Amino acid sequence: MPAPIDTLHSRRRSGGPIRDFMTPAPTTIGCAQSLEAASKKMRRLKLRHLPVLDGGKLAGILSQRDV
């Protein structure tokens, strides 16, 4: 029998560590920016989620549904 192919789906099912699935340096936006700016950034970069920073710390996450 051939060895199983290592895919992201198979690693998700196996319960690997979170670091294997996260984006290490995600695109972000500052909390003082407008919702319009966030929406444009998300569309331009084809993002479904956008972390929002306040003073360099995570303040929240915008999703496509939010905008």
Protein backbone atom coordinates (compact mmCIF):
# COMPACT_ATOMS: atom_id res chain seq x y z
CA MET A 1 0.00 0.00 0.00
CA PRO A 2 1.44 3.44 -0.90
CA ALA A 3 2.34 5.91 1.84
CA PRO A 4 -0.36 8.55 2.53
CA ILE A 5 0.15 11.93 0.90
CA ASP A 6 0.90 14.73 3.40
CA THR A 7 -1.69 17.42 2.73
CA LEU A 8 -2.95 20.33 4.81
CA HIS A 9 -6.26 18.50 5.17
CA SER A 10 -4.57 15.37 6.52
CA ARG A 11 -2.49 17.44 8.97
CA ARG A 12 -5.63 19.22 10.21
CA ARG A 13 -7.28 15.90 10.93
CA SER A 14 -4.20 14.66 12.75
CA GLY A 15 -4.31 17.61 15.14
CA GLY A 16 -0.86 19.07 14.44
CA PRO A 17 0.38 22.13 16.31
CA ILE A 18 -1.28 25.48 15.57
CA ARG A 19 2.00 26.96 14.33
CA ASP A 20 1.76 24.65 11.32
CA PHE A 21 -1.50 26.30 10.23
CA MET A 22 -1.21 29.97 11.21
CA THR A 23 0.08 32.82 9.10
CA PRO A 24 3.27 33.95 10.90
CA ALA A 25 3.22 37.57 9.67
CA PRO A 26 -0.37 38.43 8.68
CA THR A 27 -1.45 41.61 6.93
CA THR A 28 -3.02 43.95 9.49
CA ILE A 29 -4.73 47.33 9.74
CA GLY A 30 -4.70 49.96 12.48
CA CYS A 31 -7.82 50.64 14.52
CA ALA A 32 -7.80 54.32 13.45
CA GLN A 33 -8.24 53.35 9.79
CA SER A 34 -11.68 53.54 8.19
CA LEU A 35 -13.93 50.60 7.51
CA GLU A 36 -13.72 51.59 3.83
CA ALA A 37 -9.90 51.28 3.93
CA ALA A 38 -10.19 47.86 5.56
CA SER A 39 -12.74 46.72 2.98
CA LYS A 40 -10.55 47.88 0.08
CA LYS A 41 -7.50 46.15 1.56
CA MET A 42 -9.41 42.93 2.05
CA ARG A 43 -10.73 42.96 -1.52
CA ARG A 44 -7.37 43.91 -3.05
CA LEU A 45 -5.48 41.20 -1.16
CA LYS A 46 -8.36 38.67 -1.30
CA LEU A 47 -8.47 38.35 2.49
CA ARG A 48 -11.40 36.88 4.39
CA HIS A 49 -10.10 38.07 7.78
CA LEU A 50 -8.05 41.11 8.76
CA PRO A 51 -6.46 41.53 12.21
CA VAL A 52 -6.92 45.02 13.68
CA LEU A 53 -4.10 46.46 15.79
CA ASP A 54 -4.19 49.18 18.45
CA GLY A 55 -0.74 50.31 19.52
CA GLY A 56 0.81 47.20 18.00
CA LYS A 57 -1.48 44.86 19.98
CA LEU A 58 -4.37 42.84 18.63
CA ALA A 59 -7.63 44.71 19.17
CA GLY A 60 -9.89 42.49 17.07
CA ILE A 61 -10.41 40.77 13.75
CA LEU A 62 -12.59 41.97 10.89
CA SER A 63 -14.22 39.39 8.66
CA GLN A 64 -15.82 39.69 5.23
CA ARG A 65 -19.19 39.66 6.95
CA ASP A 66 -18.21 42.66 9.07
CA VAL A 67 -17.51 44.82 6.05
